[in-house]
N, C-alpha and C. Protein backbone atom coordinates (compact mmCIF):
# COMPACT_ATOMS: atom_id res chain seq x y z
N ASN A 1 98.49 -38.83 85.00
CA ASN A 1 99.45 -37.94 85.67
C ASN A 1 98.69 -36.97 86.56
N GLU A 2 99.06 -36.92 87.82
CA GLU A 2 98.37 -36.08 88.81
C GLU A 2 98.45 -34.60 88.46
N ASP A 3 99.57 -34.15 87.88
CA ASP A 3 99.73 -32.73 87.56
C ASP A 3 98.78 -32.26 86.47
N MET A 4 98.25 -33.17 85.66
CA MET A 4 97.34 -32.79 84.58
C MET A 4 96.03 -32.24 85.15
N ASP A 5 95.64 -32.69 86.35
CA ASP A 5 94.37 -32.28 86.96
C ASP A 5 94.55 -31.19 88.01
N PHE A 6 95.73 -30.59 88.09
CA PHE A 6 96.05 -29.66 89.17
C PHE A 6 96.59 -28.35 88.62
N ALA A 7 96.19 -27.23 89.24
CA ALA A 7 96.77 -25.92 88.91
C ALA A 7 96.62 -24.98 90.10
N TRP A 8 97.68 -24.22 90.38
CA TRP A 8 97.57 -23.13 91.36
C TRP A 8 96.74 -22.03 90.72
N ILE A 9 95.96 -21.32 91.52
CA ILE A 9 95.18 -20.18 91.04
C ILE A 9 95.82 -18.94 91.65
N GLY A 10 96.24 -18.03 90.79
CA GLY A 10 96.86 -16.79 91.27
C GLY A 10 98.33 -16.96 91.57
N ASN A 11 98.93 -15.86 91.96
CA ASN A 11 100.35 -15.83 92.30
C ASN A 11 100.54 -16.25 93.76
N PRO A 12 101.76 -16.65 94.12
CA PRO A 12 102.02 -16.97 95.53
C PRO A 12 101.71 -15.77 96.43
N THR A 13 101.16 -16.05 97.61
CA THR A 13 100.87 -14.98 98.57
C THR A 13 102.15 -14.53 99.26
N HIS A 14 103.09 -15.48 99.45
CA HIS A 14 104.40 -15.17 100.01
C HIS A 14 105.33 -16.36 99.80
N ILE A 15 106.61 -16.12 100.01
CA ILE A 15 107.62 -17.18 99.90
C ILE A 15 108.40 -17.21 101.20
N LYS A 16 108.55 -18.41 101.77
CA LYS A 16 109.27 -18.55 103.04
C LYS A 16 109.97 -19.90 103.06
N ASP A 17 111.24 -19.91 103.42
CA ASP A 17 112.02 -21.15 103.53
C ASP A 17 111.94 -22.00 102.27
N GLY A 18 111.98 -21.35 101.11
CA GLY A 18 111.95 -22.07 99.84
C GLY A 18 110.59 -22.60 99.44
N LYS A 19 109.55 -22.22 100.18
CA LYS A 19 108.19 -22.65 99.86
C LYS A 19 107.40 -21.47 99.32
N LYS A 20 106.67 -21.68 98.24
CA LYS A 20 105.76 -20.67 97.69
C LYS A 20 104.36 -20.99 98.20
N TYR A 21 103.82 -20.08 99.00
CA TYR A 21 102.50 -20.27 99.59
C TYR A 21 101.43 -19.67 98.69
N TYR A 22 100.30 -20.38 98.59
CA TYR A 22 99.18 -19.95 97.76
C TYR A 22 97.92 -19.91 98.61
N HIS A 23 96.87 -19.32 98.04
CA HIS A 23 95.58 -19.29 98.72
C HIS A 23 94.56 -20.22 98.06
N THR A 24 94.79 -20.58 96.78
CA THR A 24 93.80 -21.33 96.02
C THR A 24 94.46 -22.28 95.03
N PHE A 25 93.87 -23.46 94.87
CA PHE A 25 94.27 -24.35 93.77
C PHE A 25 93.04 -25.01 93.18
N MET A 26 93.19 -25.52 91.96
CA MET A 26 92.12 -26.25 91.31
C MET A 26 92.61 -27.67 91.07
N LYS A 27 91.76 -28.63 91.40
CA LYS A 27 92.08 -30.03 91.16
C LYS A 27 90.79 -30.75 90.79
N ASN A 28 90.85 -31.55 89.74
CA ASN A 28 89.68 -32.31 89.28
C ASN A 28 88.45 -31.40 89.11
N ASP A 29 88.66 -30.24 88.52
CA ASP A 29 87.59 -29.26 88.24
C ASP A 29 86.92 -28.70 89.49
N GLN A 30 87.57 -28.82 90.64
CA GLN A 30 87.06 -28.22 91.88
C GLN A 30 88.08 -27.23 92.40
N THR A 31 87.58 -26.11 92.94
CA THR A 31 88.45 -25.09 93.51
C THR A 31 88.55 -25.30 95.01
N PHE A 32 89.77 -25.24 95.52
CA PHE A 32 90.04 -25.38 96.95
C PHE A 32 90.76 -24.13 97.43
N ARG A 33 90.25 -23.53 98.51
CA ARG A 33 90.85 -22.33 99.10
C ARG A 33 91.25 -22.63 100.54
N CYS A 34 92.11 -21.79 101.08
CA CYS A 34 92.39 -21.89 102.51
C CYS A 34 91.08 -21.78 103.26
N TYR A 35 90.90 -22.61 104.25
CA TYR A 35 89.73 -22.71 105.11
C TYR A 35 88.56 -23.44 104.47
N ASP A 36 88.79 -24.08 103.31
CA ASP A 36 87.82 -25.03 102.78
C ASP A 36 88.07 -26.37 103.44
N CYS A 37 87.05 -27.20 103.45
CA CYS A 37 87.20 -28.57 103.93
C CYS A 37 87.31 -29.50 102.73
N ALA A 38 88.10 -30.56 102.89
CA ALA A 38 88.32 -31.49 101.79
C ALA A 38 88.38 -32.92 102.31
N TYR A 39 88.00 -33.84 101.43
CA TYR A 39 88.20 -35.26 101.69
C TYR A 39 89.58 -35.64 101.20
N LEU A 40 90.29 -36.45 101.99
CA LEU A 40 91.60 -36.97 101.62
C LEU A 40 91.52 -38.49 101.47
N LYS A 41 92.34 -39.02 100.56
CA LYS A 41 92.39 -40.47 100.36
C LYS A 41 92.80 -41.16 101.65
N PRO A 42 92.10 -42.24 102.01
CA PRO A 42 92.49 -42.99 103.21
C PRO A 42 93.73 -43.85 102.94
N ASN A 43 94.34 -44.33 104.00
CA ASN A 43 95.51 -45.21 103.88
C ASN A 43 95.13 -46.58 103.34
N LYS A 44 93.92 -47.03 103.66
CA LYS A 44 93.45 -48.35 103.23
C LYS A 44 92.18 -48.19 102.40
N VAL A 45 92.00 -49.09 101.46
CA VAL A 45 90.88 -49.02 100.52
C VAL A 45 89.52 -49.05 101.22
N ASN A 46 89.36 -49.85 102.26
CA ASN A 46 88.06 -50.00 102.90
C ASN A 46 87.77 -48.95 103.98
N GLU A 47 88.65 -47.98 104.17
CA GLU A 47 88.43 -46.92 105.16
C GLU A 47 87.66 -45.75 104.55
N ASP A 48 86.94 -45.02 105.41
CA ASP A 48 86.30 -43.78 104.98
C ASP A 48 87.38 -42.76 104.64
N MET A 49 87.04 -41.85 103.73
CA MET A 49 87.98 -40.77 103.43
C MET A 49 88.16 -39.91 104.67
N TYR A 50 89.36 -39.36 104.83
CA TYR A 50 89.63 -38.44 105.92
C TYR A 50 89.06 -37.07 105.57
N ILE A 51 88.80 -36.25 106.58
CA ILE A 51 88.30 -34.89 106.35
C ILE A 51 89.29 -33.92 107.00
N VAL A 52 89.62 -32.86 106.28
CA VAL A 52 90.58 -31.88 106.78
C VAL A 52 90.08 -30.47 106.47
N LEU A 53 90.37 -29.54 107.36
CA LEU A 53 90.14 -28.12 107.13
C LEU A 53 91.48 -27.56 106.67
N ILE A 54 91.57 -27.13 105.42
CA ILE A 54 92.84 -26.67 104.86
C ILE A 54 93.21 -25.32 105.44
N ASN A 55 94.40 -25.23 106.05
CA ASN A 55 94.89 -23.97 106.61
C ASN A 55 95.89 -23.29 105.69
N GLU A 56 96.79 -24.09 105.13
CA GLU A 56 97.85 -23.55 104.27
C GLU A 56 98.07 -24.49 103.10
N MET A 57 98.64 -23.93 102.02
CA MET A 57 99.00 -24.73 100.85
C MET A 57 100.24 -24.12 100.23
N TRP A 58 101.15 -24.99 99.77
CA TRP A 58 102.41 -24.48 99.24
C TRP A 58 103.04 -25.46 98.27
N GLU A 59 104.05 -24.93 97.56
CA GLU A 59 104.88 -25.75 96.68
C GLU A 59 106.33 -25.55 97.08
N CYS A 60 107.04 -26.65 97.26
CA CYS A 60 108.46 -26.61 97.62
C CYS A 60 109.32 -26.39 96.38
N ASP A 61 110.58 -26.06 96.60
CA ASP A 61 111.52 -25.87 95.49
C ASP A 61 111.59 -27.07 94.57
N ASP A 62 111.41 -28.27 95.12
CA ASP A 62 111.50 -29.49 94.31
C ASP A 62 110.20 -29.83 93.58
N GLY A 63 109.19 -28.93 93.69
CA GLY A 63 107.91 -29.14 93.02
C GLY A 63 106.88 -29.89 93.83
N LYS A 64 107.26 -30.36 95.01
CA LYS A 64 106.33 -31.07 95.89
C LYS A 64 105.25 -30.11 96.38
N LYS A 65 103.99 -30.49 96.23
CA LYS A 65 102.85 -29.65 96.61
C LYS A 65 102.21 -30.21 97.87
N GLN A 66 101.96 -29.35 98.86
CA GLN A 66 101.47 -29.79 100.16
C GLN A 66 100.32 -28.92 100.64
N ILE A 67 99.52 -29.50 101.52
CA ILE A 67 98.55 -28.73 102.31
C ILE A 67 98.85 -29.02 103.78
N GLN A 68 98.45 -28.09 104.63
CA GLN A 68 98.45 -28.32 106.07
C GLN A 68 97.04 -28.02 106.53
N GLY A 69 96.53 -28.85 107.42
CA GLY A 69 95.18 -28.61 107.89
C GLY A 69 94.86 -29.29 109.20
N HIS A 70 93.76 -28.84 109.79
CA HIS A 70 93.23 -29.43 111.02
C HIS A 70 92.35 -30.62 110.63
N TRP A 71 92.51 -31.71 111.36
CA TRP A 71 91.68 -32.89 111.13
C TRP A 71 90.26 -32.65 111.64
N ILE A 72 89.32 -33.22 110.93
CA ILE A 72 87.92 -33.21 111.34
C ILE A 72 87.53 -34.66 111.57
N TYR A 73 87.02 -34.95 112.76
CA TYR A 73 86.72 -36.33 113.14
C TYR A 73 85.23 -36.62 113.06
N ARG A 74 84.92 -37.85 112.65
CA ARG A 74 83.55 -38.36 112.66
C ARG A 74 83.27 -38.94 114.05
N SER A 75 81.99 -39.19 114.31
CA SER A 75 81.62 -39.77 115.61
C SER A 75 82.29 -41.13 115.81
N SER A 76 82.50 -41.88 114.73
CA SER A 76 83.13 -43.20 114.85
C SER A 76 84.60 -43.11 115.28
N ASP A 77 85.20 -41.93 115.16
CA ASP A 77 86.59 -41.72 115.58
C ASP A 77 86.70 -41.35 117.05
N LEU A 78 85.58 -41.08 117.69
CA LEU A 78 85.58 -40.55 119.06
C LEU A 78 85.17 -41.61 120.07
N PRO A 79 85.52 -41.39 121.35
CA PRO A 79 85.07 -42.32 122.40
C PRO A 79 83.54 -42.34 122.48
N LYS A 80 83.01 -43.47 122.89
CA LYS A 80 81.54 -43.63 123.00
C LYS A 80 80.93 -42.65 124.00
N SER A 81 81.73 -42.12 124.91
CA SER A 81 81.22 -41.21 125.94
C SER A 81 80.87 -39.83 125.39
N VAL A 82 81.32 -39.51 124.17
CA VAL A 82 81.02 -38.20 123.58
C VAL A 82 79.58 -38.20 123.09
N GLU A 83 78.81 -37.24 123.58
CA GLU A 83 77.40 -37.15 123.22
C GLU A 83 77.24 -36.56 121.82
N MET A 84 76.47 -37.24 120.99
CA MET A 84 76.22 -36.78 119.62
C MET A 84 74.92 -35.99 119.57
N LEU A 85 74.94 -34.89 118.84
CA LEU A 85 73.74 -34.10 118.64
C LEU A 85 73.03 -34.49 117.35
N HIS A 86 73.80 -34.96 116.37
CA HIS A 86 73.24 -35.34 115.08
C HIS A 86 74.10 -36.45 114.50
N LYS A 87 73.49 -37.40 113.79
CA LYS A 87 74.24 -38.56 113.30
C LYS A 87 75.34 -38.19 112.30
N SER A 88 75.19 -37.07 111.60
CA SER A 88 76.22 -36.68 110.63
C SER A 88 77.16 -35.60 111.18
N GLU A 89 77.08 -35.36 112.48
CA GLU A 89 77.93 -34.35 113.12
C GLU A 89 79.40 -34.78 113.07
N VAL A 90 80.27 -33.81 112.81
CA VAL A 90 81.72 -34.03 112.82
C VAL A 90 82.34 -33.01 113.76
N PHE A 91 83.60 -33.28 114.15
CA PHE A 91 84.25 -32.46 115.16
C PHE A 91 85.59 -31.95 114.67
N LEU A 92 85.79 -30.65 114.75
CA LEU A 92 87.05 -30.03 114.36
C LEU A 92 88.05 -30.18 115.50
N SER A 93 89.23 -30.68 115.18
CA SER A 93 90.25 -30.87 116.22
C SER A 93 91.32 -29.79 116.11
N ASP A 94 92.17 -29.73 117.11
CA ASP A 94 93.30 -28.81 117.04
C ASP A 94 94.55 -29.52 116.50
N TRP A 95 94.41 -30.78 116.10
CA TRP A 95 95.52 -31.56 115.54
C TRP A 95 95.72 -31.18 114.09
N LYS A 96 96.95 -30.79 113.74
CA LYS A 96 97.28 -30.40 112.36
C LYS A 96 98.31 -31.35 111.78
N ASP A 97 98.21 -31.57 110.48
CA ASP A 97 99.18 -32.39 109.75
C ASP A 97 99.39 -31.81 108.37
N CYS A 98 100.52 -32.20 107.76
CA CYS A 98 100.79 -31.87 106.36
C CYS A 98 100.50 -33.11 105.52
N ASN A 99 99.94 -32.88 104.35
CA ASN A 99 99.63 -33.95 103.42
C ASN A 99 99.92 -33.50 102.00
N PRO A 100 100.28 -34.44 101.13
CA PRO A 100 100.49 -34.07 99.73
C PRO A 100 99.17 -33.69 99.07
N ILE A 101 99.21 -32.74 98.18
CA ILE A 101 97.99 -32.33 97.48
C ILE A 101 97.41 -33.50 96.68
N GLU A 102 98.25 -34.46 96.29
CA GLU A 102 97.75 -35.64 95.58
C GLU A 102 96.70 -36.39 96.39
N SER A 103 96.75 -36.27 97.72
CA SER A 103 95.80 -36.99 98.57
C SER A 103 94.42 -36.33 98.61
N VAL A 104 94.31 -35.08 98.13
CA VAL A 104 93.02 -34.39 98.11
C VAL A 104 92.13 -35.01 97.04
N VAL A 105 90.93 -35.44 97.43
CA VAL A 105 90.01 -36.09 96.51
C VAL A 105 88.95 -35.11 96.01
N GLN A 106 88.26 -34.46 96.95
CA GLN A 106 87.19 -33.52 96.59
C GLN A 106 86.86 -32.66 97.80
N ARG A 107 86.05 -31.62 97.54
CA ARG A 107 85.61 -30.76 98.64
C ARG A 107 84.67 -31.53 99.55
N ALA A 108 84.70 -31.19 100.83
CA ALA A 108 83.83 -31.83 101.82
C ALA A 108 82.82 -30.79 102.31
N PRO A 109 81.53 -31.10 102.24
CA PRO A 109 80.51 -30.15 102.67
C PRO A 109 80.36 -30.13 104.19
N VAL A 110 81.08 -29.23 104.85
CA VAL A 110 81.03 -29.11 106.31
C VAL A 110 80.49 -27.73 106.66
N ILE A 111 79.54 -27.69 107.56
CA ILE A 111 78.97 -26.43 108.05
C ILE A 111 79.41 -26.28 109.51
N PHE A 112 80.01 -25.14 109.82
CA PHE A 112 80.46 -24.88 111.19
C PHE A 112 79.35 -24.18 111.95
N SER A 113 79.06 -24.69 113.16
CA SER A 113 77.92 -24.16 113.89
C SER A 113 78.28 -23.21 115.02
N ARG A 114 79.51 -23.24 115.51
CA ARG A 114 79.83 -22.43 116.69
C ARG A 114 80.79 -21.30 116.43
N SER A 115 81.88 -21.56 115.71
CA SER A 115 82.85 -20.49 115.50
C SER A 115 83.50 -20.63 114.14
N ASP A 116 84.01 -19.55 113.66
CA ASP A 116 84.67 -19.47 112.37
C ASP A 116 86.02 -20.18 112.46
N PRO A 117 86.30 -21.15 111.56
CA PRO A 117 87.58 -21.86 111.63
C PRO A 117 88.79 -20.97 111.41
N LYS A 118 88.62 -19.80 110.82
CA LYS A 118 89.74 -18.88 110.63
C LYS A 118 90.30 -18.43 111.97
N GLN A 119 89.48 -18.48 113.02
CA GLN A 119 89.92 -18.05 114.35
C GLN A 119 90.92 -19.04 114.97
N MET A 120 90.99 -20.26 114.45
CA MET A 120 91.90 -21.25 115.02
C MET A 120 93.36 -20.87 114.83
N ASN A 121 93.66 -20.11 113.79
CA ASN A 121 95.03 -19.68 113.54
C ASN A 121 95.26 -18.26 114.01
N GLY A 122 94.31 -17.70 114.73
CA GLY A 122 94.47 -16.35 115.24
C GLY A 122 94.34 -15.28 114.19
N LYS A 123 93.66 -15.60 113.08
CA LYS A 123 93.50 -14.61 112.00
C LYS A 123 92.21 -13.85 112.15
């Protein structure tokens, strides 16, 4: 059962449109906070895990738990014309999506070199 490995940490930061927003959750003995990066389960078994920068996390009235985040792309996701500085370099996009918390696998070790990701939401 997915809920056995999951818990919100702390009280909701606010409630809006029937959603309780949080800043932190624990899953599989790992803590995830807003602005952490995480690996998400891919759609197909042979695909690499997706990487996301978590912006928001919430629980709906029906108990559905979600995250919203900016996608982080690997070099293999980009056109060949993009110049790579390092083979393990990844790129933060402005594309955001919502995903179920069940899709979160583990934290992703991403180091930002140019700007703080908190600035993407104007915070």
